[in-house]
C-alpha atoms as a PDB file:
ATOM      1  CA  UNK A   1      99.659 101.133 -16.467  1.00  0.00           C
ATOM      2  CA  UNK A   2      99.448 101.865 -20.193  1.00  0.00           C
ATOM      3  CA  UNK A   3     102.584 102.706 -22.125  1.00  0.00           C
ATOM      4  CA  UNK A   4     101.954 105.648 -24.497  1.00  0.00           C
ATOM      5  CA  UNK A   5     105.081 105.196 -26.634  1.00  0.00           C
ATOM      6  CA  UNK A   6     104.452 104.250 -30.254  1.00  0.00           C
ATOM      7  CA  UNK A   7     107.190 101.777 -31.185  1.00  0.00           C
ATOM      8  CA  UNK A   8     108.141 101.352 -34.859  1.00  0.00           C
ATOM      9  CA  UNK A   9     110.303  98.958 -36.827  1.00  0.00           C
ATOM     10  CA  UNK A  10     113.795 100.461 -36.906  1.00  0.00           C
ATOM     11  CA  UNK A  11     113.739 101.890 -33.381  1.00  0.00           C
ATOM     12  CA  UNK A  12     116.712 101.226 -31.110  1.00  0.00           C
ATOM     13  CA  UNK A  13     115.738 100.625 -27.477  1.00  0.00           C
ATOM     14  CA  UNK A  14     117.669 100.280 -24.218  1.00  0.00           C
ATOM     15  CA  UNK A  15     116.462  97.472 -21.970  1.00  0.00           C
ATOM     16  CA  UNK A  16     116.512  97.406 -18.150  1.00  0.00           C
ATOM     17  CA  UNK A  17     118.579  94.213 -18.026  1.00  0.00           C
ATOM     18  CA  UNK A  18     121.659  93.408 -20.068  1.00  0.00           C
ATOM     19  CA  UNK A  19     121.739  90.519 -22.538  1.00  0.00           C
ATOM     20  CA  UNK A  20     124.256  87.804 -21.528  1.00  0.00           C
ATOM     21  CA  UNK A  21     126.670  89.240 -24.139  1.00  0.00           C
ATOM     22  CA  UNK A  22     126.694  92.500 -22.130  1.00  0.00           C
ATOM     23  CA  UNK A  23     124.690  94.738 -24.495  1.00  0.00           C
ATOM     24  CA  UNK A  24     121.647  96.745 -23.355  1.00  0.00           C
ATOM     25  CA  UNK A  25     120.736  97.970 -26.864  1.00  0.00           C
ATOM     26  CA  UNK A  26     118.272  96.205 -29.190  1.00  0.00           C
ATOM     27  CA  UNK A  27     116.884  96.853 -32.692  1.00  0.00           C
ATOM     28  CA  UNK A  28     113.100  96.546 -33.099  1.00  0.00           C
ATOM     29  CA  UNK A  29     112.423  94.331 -36.144  1.00  0.00           C
ATOM     30  CA  UNK A  30     108.756  93.406 -35.622  1.00  0.00           C
ATOM     31  CA  UNK A  31     105.856  95.215 -33.917  1.00  0.00           C
ATOM     32  CA  UNK A  32     102.401  93.926 -33.048  1.00  0.00           C
ATOM     33  CA  UNK A  33     101.093  91.613 -30.330  1.00  0.00           C
ATOM     34  CA  UNK A  34     104.643  90.246 -30.228  1.00  0.00           C
ATOM     35  CA  UNK A  35     107.836  92.249 -30.610  1.00  0.00           C
ATOM     36  CA  UNK A  36     110.808  90.875 -32.523  1.00  0.00           C
ATOM     37  CA  UNK A  37     114.044  92.415 -31.284  1.00  0.00           C
ATOM     38  CA  UNK A  38     117.699  91.809 -32.228  1.00  0.00           C
ATOM     39  CA  UNK A  39     120.627  92.352 -29.876  1.00  0.00           C
ATOM     40  CA  UNK A  40     123.044  94.987 -31.180  1.00  0.00           C
ATOM     41  CA  UNK A  41     125.934  93.228 -29.442  1.00  0.00           C
ATOM     42  CA  UNK A  42     125.734  89.642 -30.699  1.00  0.00           C
ATOM     43  CA  UNK A  43     122.820  89.620 -33.168  1.00  0.00           C
ATOM     44  CA  UNK A  44     120.601  87.238 -31.159  1.00  0.00           C
ATOM     45  CA  UNK A  45     116.907  87.479 -32.170  1.00  0.00           C
ATOM     46  CA  UNK A  46     114.176  87.295 -29.503  1.00  0.00           C
ATOM     47  CA  UNK A  47     110.374  87.320 -29.825  1.00  0.00           C
ATOM     48  CA  UNK A  48     108.614  88.861 -26.787  1.00  0.00           C
ATOM     49  CA  UNK A  49     104.936  89.436 -25.972  1.00  0.00           C
ATOM     50  CA  UNK A  50     104.005  93.145 -26.039  1.00  0.00           C
ATOM     51  CA  UNK A  51     103.390  93.394 -22.275  1.00  0.00           C
ATOM     52  CA  UNK A  52     106.787  91.888 -21.411  1.00  0.00           C
ATOM     53  CA  UNK A  53     108.572  94.077 -23.974  1.00  0.00           C
ATOM     54  CA  UNK A  54     106.986  97.328 -22.745  1.00  0.00           C
ATOM     55  CA  UNK A  55     107.827  96.436 -19.144  1.00  0.00           C
ATOM     56  CA  UNK A  56     111.475  95.665 -20.019  1.00  0.00           C
ATOM     57  CA  UNK A  57     112.223  98.835 -22.059  1.00  0.00           C
ATOM     58  CA  UNK A  58     114.012 101.632 -20.219  1.00  0.00           C
ATOM     59  CA  UNK A  59     114.200 104.184 -23.071  1.00  0.00           C
ATOM     60  CA  UNK A  60     114.064 104.626 -26.837  1.00  0.00           C
ATOM     61  CA  UNK A  61     117.526 105.686 -28.026  1.00  0.00           C
ATOM     62  CA  UNK A  62     116.654 106.194 -31.717  1.00  0.00           C
ATOM     63  CA  UNK A  63     113.059 106.686 -32.789  1.00  0.00           C
ATOM     64  CA  UNK A  64     112.382 105.901 -36.454  1.00  0.00           C
ATOM     65  CA  UNK A  65     110.301 108.614 -38.123  1.00  0.00           C
ATOM     66  CA  UNK A  66     108.064 107.953 -41.142  1.00  0.00           C
END
């Protein structure tokens, strides 16, 4: 299944599972083969492979426009 959403740096996404701090919201800081995301609750930075990131995202809350 191919995900048709075009993610950009600056997007805010809601994940399916909560971070241990309790937050579901993450800032997208890096896009490419790997996604760099930062928790909006505690500031923890995580680097995820694209496939794992796209599977874990529930929705895009704020989409950054050019």
